[in-house]
Amino acid sequence: MFGYVKPFKGQLRVCEHETYKAAYCTLCKKMGKNYGHIARMTLSYDFTFLAVLMLSLADNDPEYAKKGCVYNPFKRCTYMTGHDDIFDFVSATSLIAVYGKIIDNINDTKGLKRLGYKIARLKFSRKYDKAVKLYPFVAKAIVNMVEYQIKVENNPDAGIDLAAEPTAKGMEEIFSLCSDNENEKRILAQLGYCIGKWIYLIDAVCDLDEDIKSGNFNPLKTSGKESAVMTMNVCSAQAGAALDLLDLKRFDGILKNIIYIGLTETAQSKMSGRKDTEK
C-alpha cells in the first residue's frame, strides 16, 4: 500500500533532489527517535510527500544541518531542522497507517503469512498506542478506513470505484488535518482523496497476480489491470488541479514533479512490470 507517491529523479533539479532526500532522512530520524528503530523500516515515499507538502505550506523555511546516518556510520546526511511539529505529525501518521495496513493484512491472509502479520501487530502495538495518544484524530481516520475496507471487500460486486473509496476517504481526512486554514483544508482534502484513490488502485495492480493465486479480494480480477488506468489518470489529473490551488511557499518543483511526472512514471512501470530504478 505504501511507497508509490514519489518523484521521478530524472526530472528533478539537483537542489530539489537534495531537498527531497533531506526530508526523507529527517522523517527517518524522527520515526526512529519517536518510535524506535523498527519504525524506521516502515518509512515510505508516500509520507515523505506528505511532509514536503506540509513544509511547502509552513510560514518559515526549514534550516539544514549535517549529521551521521544511523544506517551508515561513514555517511553524513543532510537533515531539516525547525519543523519538529510537522515531522512529529507525519511520523505518527505513518506509523498509525502501517498498523492499519497490518490489521487489514491479517483479515486478508491465511496460514503462516497471517501469523507473520499477527507477530508484526504485537511488535507495533505499543508504538501504535503512543502515536494514537498524540494524534487520536489520525487514528480515528485510519480505523474508519480499515473498517470500511473490510465492509467493501465483503461485497462480491464491489468495483474499482467502491473498492478504492475507503482509502480515498481515509487520505482525504488525514490531508485535511495538515492545515488550520479552512480554505487549505478543503483543497488538501480533495488532494488527499485523489492520492488515496490512486494509491489503492496502483496497489491493486501490483497485487493482482498474487491475489488471483491466493483468492484474496481484488477489484481488478474480473476487469484486469487496464481497467484501472483511466481512473488512475483522472486521479492524478485532479490531484494536480488541487495542488495548483494551494499557495505553495516553497518546494513546488518537487511536489509538481511527484504529481505530474512521478505518479505517471510509477503507474507505467508497474503496469509494464519493468524494474523500478528511480530512487
Protein backbone atom coordinates (compact mmCIF):
# COMPACT_ATOMS: atom_id res chain seq x y z
CA MET A 1 0.00 0.00 0.00
CA PHE A 2 2.92 2.35 0.56
CA GLY A 3 5.87 3.68 -1.42
CA TYR A 4 4.30 4.71 -4.72
CA VAL A 5 3.97 8.51 -4.38
CA LYS A 6 7.48 9.64 -5.19
CA PRO A 7 9.37 11.97 -7.51
CA PHE A 8 10.92 10.97 -10.81
CA LYS A 9 14.58 11.64 -10.14
CA GLY A 10 15.48 12.16 -13.79
CA GLN A 11 13.32 15.29 -13.93
CA LEU A 12 14.37 16.81 -10.59
CA ARG A 13 16.96 19.55 -10.35
CA VAL A 14 19.97 18.63 -8.20
CA CYS A 15 18.95 21.04 -5.43
CA GLU A 16 15.41 19.63 -5.43
CA HIS A 17 16.70 16.09 -5.17
CA GLU A 18 18.92 17.05 -2.23
CA THR A 19 15.98 18.78 -0.53
CA TYR A 20 13.76 15.74 -1.00
CA LYS A 21 16.47 13.46 0.41
CA ALA A 22 16.81 15.78 3.42
CA ALA A 23 13.06 15.50 4.10
CA TYR A 24 13.26 11.70 3.70
CA CYS A 25 16.22 11.40 6.07
CA THR A 26 14.66 13.75 8.61
CA LEU A 27 11.47 11.69 8.67
CA CYS A 28 13.55 8.53 9.09
CA LYS A 29 15.41 10.10 12.01
CA LYS A 30 12.21 11.35 13.64
CA MET A 31 10.50 7.96 13.34
CA GLY A 32 13.46 6.29 14.99
CA LYS A 33 13.60 8.85 17.78
CA ASN A 34 9.87 8.76 18.50
CA TYR A 35 9.04 5.08 17.90
CA GLY A 36 12.25 3.08 17.83
CA HIS A 37 14.47 1.57 15.18
CA ILE A 38 11.81 -0.80 13.88
CA ALA A 39 9.64 2.18 12.92
CA ARG A 40 12.35 3.36 10.51
CA MET A 41 11.75 0.21 8.49
CA THR A 42 8.23 1.42 7.67
CA LEU A 43 9.44 4.72 6.18
CA SER A 44 7.81 5.35 2.81
CA TYR A 45 7.83 7.81 -0.07
CA ASP A 46 4.11 8.42 0.42
CA PHE A 47 4.57 10.04 3.81
CA THR A 48 7.70 11.88 2.70
CA PHE A 49 5.39 13.50 0.15
CA LEU A 50 3.05 14.49 2.98
CA ALA A 51 5.96 16.01 4.92
CA VAL A 52 7.16 18.02 1.91
CA LEU A 53 3.58 19.16 1.27
CA MET A 54 3.20 20.42 4.85
CA LEU A 55 6.60 22.09 4.71
CA SER A 56 5.58 23.85 1.50
CA LEU A 57 2.68 25.49 3.35
CA ALA A 58 4.60 26.43 6.50
CA ASP A 59 5.35 30.08 7.22
CA ASN A 60 9.08 29.56 7.79
CA ASP A 61 11.73 27.89 5.67
CA PRO A 62 13.38 24.84 7.21
CA GLU A 63 17.02 25.05 8.22
CA TYR A 64 19.56 22.34 7.43
CA ALA A 65 22.31 20.51 9.30
CA LYS A 66 24.61 17.60 8.52
CA LYS A 67 24.73 14.63 10.89
CA GLY A 68 25.65 10.97 10.77
CA CYS A 69 23.37 8.34 9.21
CA VAL A 70 22.13 5.59 11.52
CA TYR A 71 22.37 3.02 8.71
CA ASN A 72 25.82 4.05 7.51
CA PRO A 73 28.20 5.43 10.18
CA PHE A 74 30.61 6.57 7.43
CA LYS A 75 27.96 8.72 5.76
CA ARG A 76 26.77 12.18 6.74
CA CYS A 77 23.21 13.12 5.78
CA THR A 78 21.52 16.48 5.46
CA TYR A 79 18.63 16.91 7.88
CA MET A 80 15.97 19.58 8.17
CA THR A 81 15.56 21.45 11.45
CA GLY A 82 12.99 23.84 12.84
CA HIS A 83 9.79 21.98 11.95
CA ASP A 84 9.53 19.26 14.59
CA ASP A 85 5.74 19.64 14.72
CA ILE A 86 5.42 18.61 11.07
CA PHE A 87 7.76 15.65 11.31
CA ASP A 88 6.19 14.52 14.59
CA PHE A 89 2.76 14.54 12.92
CA VAL A 90 3.91 12.75 9.78
CA SER A 91 5.95 10.13 11.64
CA ALA A 92 2.95 9.29 13.86
CA THR A 93 0.61 9.24 10.87
CA SER A 94 2.95 6.90 9.02
CA LEU A 95 3.13 4.51 11.98
CA ILE A 96 -0.64 4.52 12.50
CA ALA A 97 -1.20 3.87 8.79
CA VAL A 98 1.26 0.96 8.79
CA TYR A 99 -0.51 -0.53 11.80
CA GLY A 100 -3.81 -0.19 9.97
CA LYS A 101 -2.31 -1.98 6.96
CA ILE A 102 -1.14 -4.79 9.25
CA ILE A 103 -4.68 -5.22 10.58
CA ASP A 104 -6.03 -5.21 7.02
CA ASN A 105 -3.48 -7.87 6.01
CA ILE A 106 -4.46 -10.05 8.97
CA ASN A 107 -8.02 -10.01 7.65
CA ASP A 108 -6.89 -10.74 4.08
CA THR A 109 -4.37 -13.55 4.56
CA LYS A 110 -4.20 -17.08 5.92
CA GLY A 111 -1.64 -19.54 7.26
CA LEU A 112 1.96 -18.57 8.04
CA LYS A 113 1.63 -15.22 6.32
CA ARG A 114 -1.26 -14.30 8.60
CA LEU A 115 0.78 -15.42 11.62
CA GLY A 116 3.59 -13.14 10.48
CA TYR A 117 1.25 -10.16 10.41
CA LYS A 118 -0.03 -11.04 13.87
CA ILE A 119 3.54 -11.01 15.17
CA ALA A 120 4.06 -7.64 13.48
CA ARG A 121 0.94 -6.35 15.21
CA LEU A 122 2.38 -7.31 18.59
CA LYS A 123 5.68 -5.58 17.84
CA PHE A 124 3.95 -2.37 16.78
CA SER A 125 1.10 -2.29 19.29
CA ARG A 126 2.83 -0.22 22.00
CA LYS A 127 4.27 2.20 19.44
CA TYR A 128 0.83 2.47 17.90
CA ASP A 129 -0.72 3.26 21.29
CA LYS A 130 1.83 6.05 21.80
CA ALA A 131 1.04 7.60 18.41
CA VAL A 132 -2.71 7.33 18.99
CA LYS A 133 -2.48 9.24 22.28
CA LEU A 134 -0.72 12.08 20.48
CA TYR A 135 -2.90 12.14 17.36
CA PRO A 136 -6.28 10.50 18.07
CA PHE A 137 -7.95 12.07 15.03
CA VAL A 138 -5.44 10.43 12.71
CA ALA A 139 -6.07 7.07 14.38
CA LYS A 140 -9.82 7.53 14.01
CA ALA A 141 -9.42 8.18 10.28
CA ILE A 142 -7.30 5.04 9.81
CA VAL A 143 -9.60 2.86 11.91
CA ASN A 144 -12.61 4.05 9.92
CA MET A 145 -10.71 3.36 6.71
CA VAL A 146 -9.86 -0.22 7.71
CA GLU A 147 -13.39 -0.98 8.90
CA TYR A 148 -14.86 0.49 5.72
CA GLN A 149 -12.41 -1.56 3.63
CA ILE A 150 -13.45 -4.79 5.34
CA LYS A 151 -17.09 -3.98 4.65
CA VAL A 152 -16.41 -3.22 0.99
CA GLU A 153 -14.38 -6.39 0.47
CA ASN A 154 -17.28 -8.47 1.74
CA ASN A 155 -19.31 -7.17 -1.20
CA PRO A 156 -18.69 -9.51 -4.16
CA ASP A 157 -19.97 -6.90 -6.60
CA ALA A 158 -17.60 -4.13 -5.49
CA GLY A 159 -15.99 -2.45 -8.50
CA ILE A 160 -12.85 -0.37 -8.56
CA ASP A 161 -14.52 2.89 -7.51
CA LEU A 162 -16.24 1.39 -4.48
CA ALA A 163 -13.18 -0.67 -3.54
CA ALA A 164 -10.93 2.41 -3.62
CA GLU A 165 -13.33 4.60 -1.64
CA PRO A 166 -12.12 3.65 1.90
CA THR A 167 -8.50 4.55 1.16
CA ALA A 168 -9.58 7.70 -0.68
CA LYS A 169 -11.76 8.86 2.23
CA GLY A 170 -9.09 7.98 4.77
CA MET A 171 -6.45 10.04 2.98
CA GLU A 172 -8.96 12.83 2.47
CA GLU A 173 -9.43 13.12 6.21
CA ILE A 174 -5.73 12.86 7.03
CA PHE A 175 -4.70 15.50 4.49
CA SER A 176 -7.38 17.85 5.81
CA LEU A 177 -5.65 17.71 9.21
CA CYS A 178 -2.50 19.22 7.73
CA SER A 179 -3.67 22.83 7.95
CA ASP A 180 -5.77 25.04 10.20
CA ASN A 181 -6.76 27.28 7.31
CA GLU A 182 -10.29 26.34 6.18
CA ASN A 183 -9.64 27.03 2.50
CA GLU A 184 -6.43 24.99 2.56
CA LYS A 185 -8.20 22.19 4.43
CA ARG A 186 -10.79 21.86 1.63
CA ILE A 187 -8.12 21.78 -1.06
CA LEU A 188 -5.93 19.37 0.91
CA ALA A 189 -8.94 17.08 1.45
CA GLN A 190 -9.50 16.90 -2.32
CA LEU A 191 -5.81 16.29 -2.93
CA GLY A 192 -5.77 13.54 -0.29
CA TYR A 193 -8.86 11.88 -1.76
CA CYS A 194 -7.29 11.70 -5.22
CA ILE A 195 -3.94 10.48 -3.90
CA GLY A 196 -5.64 7.87 -1.72
CA LYS A 197 -7.69 6.51 -4.60
CA TRP A 198 -4.64 6.40 -6.84
CA ILE A 199 -2.63 4.55 -4.17
CA TYR A 200 -5.34 1.93 -3.74
CA LEU A 201 -5.52 1.29 -7.49
CA ILE A 202 -1.77 1.03 -8.06
CA ASP A 203 -1.59 -1.32 -5.09
CA ALA A 204 -4.36 -3.43 -6.63
CA VAL A 205 -2.40 -3.52 -9.91
CA CYS A 206 0.75 -4.71 -8.12
CA ASP A 207 -1.10 -7.34 -6.05
CA LEU A 208 -3.37 -8.72 -8.77
CA ASP A 209 -1.37 -11.81 -9.74
CA GLU A 210 -0.78 -12.80 -6.12
CA ASP A 211 -4.41 -12.13 -5.18
CA ILE A 212 -5.62 -14.36 -8.01
CA LYS A 213 -3.46 -17.20 -6.68
CA SER A 214 -4.39 -16.69 -3.03
CA GLY A 215 -8.06 -15.95 -3.57
CA ASN A 216 -7.81 -12.58 -1.80
CA PHE A 217 -10.11 -9.74 -2.77
CA ASN A 218 -9.01 -7.58 -5.68
CA PRO A 219 -11.45 -5.49 -7.75
CA LEU A 220 -9.31 -5.98 -10.87
CA LYS A 221 -9.78 -9.76 -11.02
CA THR A 222 -12.63 -9.58 -13.49
CA SER A 223 -11.76 -6.37 -15.30
CA GLY A 224 -7.97 -6.63 -15.49
CA LYS A 225 -5.23 -4.12 -14.77
CA GLU A 226 -6.10 -1.94 -17.75
CA SER A 227 -9.46 -1.07 -16.19
CA ALA A 228 -7.64 0.91 -13.51
CA VAL A 229 -5.61 3.05 -15.91
CA MET A 230 -8.26 5.59 -16.86
CA THR A 231 -9.34 6.10 -13.24
CA MET A 232 -5.72 6.49 -12.13
CA ASN A 233 -5.14 9.09 -14.85
CA VAL A 234 -8.20 11.03 -13.70
CA CYS A 235 -6.99 10.85 -10.08
CA SER A 236 -3.54 12.20 -10.93
CA ALA A 237 -5.03 15.00 -13.05
CA GLN A 238 -7.42 16.01 -10.28
CA ALA A 239 -4.61 15.84 -7.73
CA GLY A 240 -2.61 18.22 -9.92
CA ALA A 241 -5.56 20.59 -10.17
CA ALA A 242 -5.88 20.61 -6.38
CA LEU A 243 -2.16 21.17 -5.90
CA ASP A 244 -2.29 24.17 -8.23
CA LEU A 245 -4.90 25.80 -5.96
CA LEU A 246 -2.58 25.76 -2.95
CA ASP A 247 -0.43 28.75 -2.09
CA LEU A 248 2.87 26.89 -2.03
CA LYS A 249 5.62 28.90 -0.39
CA ARG A 250 8.43 26.55 -1.42
CA PHE A 251 9.19 23.10 -2.88
CA ASP A 252 6.63 23.48 -5.68
CA GLY A 253 9.07 21.91 -8.15
CA ILE A 254 9.32 18.75 -6.04
CA LEU A 255 5.57 18.46 -5.48
CA LYS A 256 4.70 19.07 -9.14
CA ASN A 257 7.30 16.51 -10.19
CA ILE A 258 5.66 13.93 -7.92
CA ILE A 259 2.10 14.63 -9.08
CA TYR A 260 2.63 15.33 -12.77
CA ILE A 261 5.56 13.02 -13.56
CA GLY A 262 6.18 10.64 -10.65
CA LEU A 263 2.68 9.17 -10.48
CA THR A 264 2.59 8.56 -14.23
CA GLU A 265 6.06 7.05 -14.30
CA THR A 266 5.28 4.75 -11.37
CA ALA A 267 2.00 3.64 -12.95
CA GLN A 268 3.67 2.89 -16.27
CA SER A 269 6.44 1.00 -14.51
CA LYS A 270 4.03 -1.17 -12.53
CA MET A 271 1.72 -1.79 -15.47
CA SER A 272 4.59 -2.93 -17.68
CA GLY A 273 6.25 -4.93 -14.93
CA ARG A 274 9.63 -3.31 -15.55
CA LYS A 275 12.08 -2.94 -12.70
CA ASP A 276 11.93 0.40 -10.95
CA THR A 277 15.35 2.05 -10.90
CA GLU A 278 14.36 5.51 -9.68
CA LYS A 279 15.31 6.19 -6.05
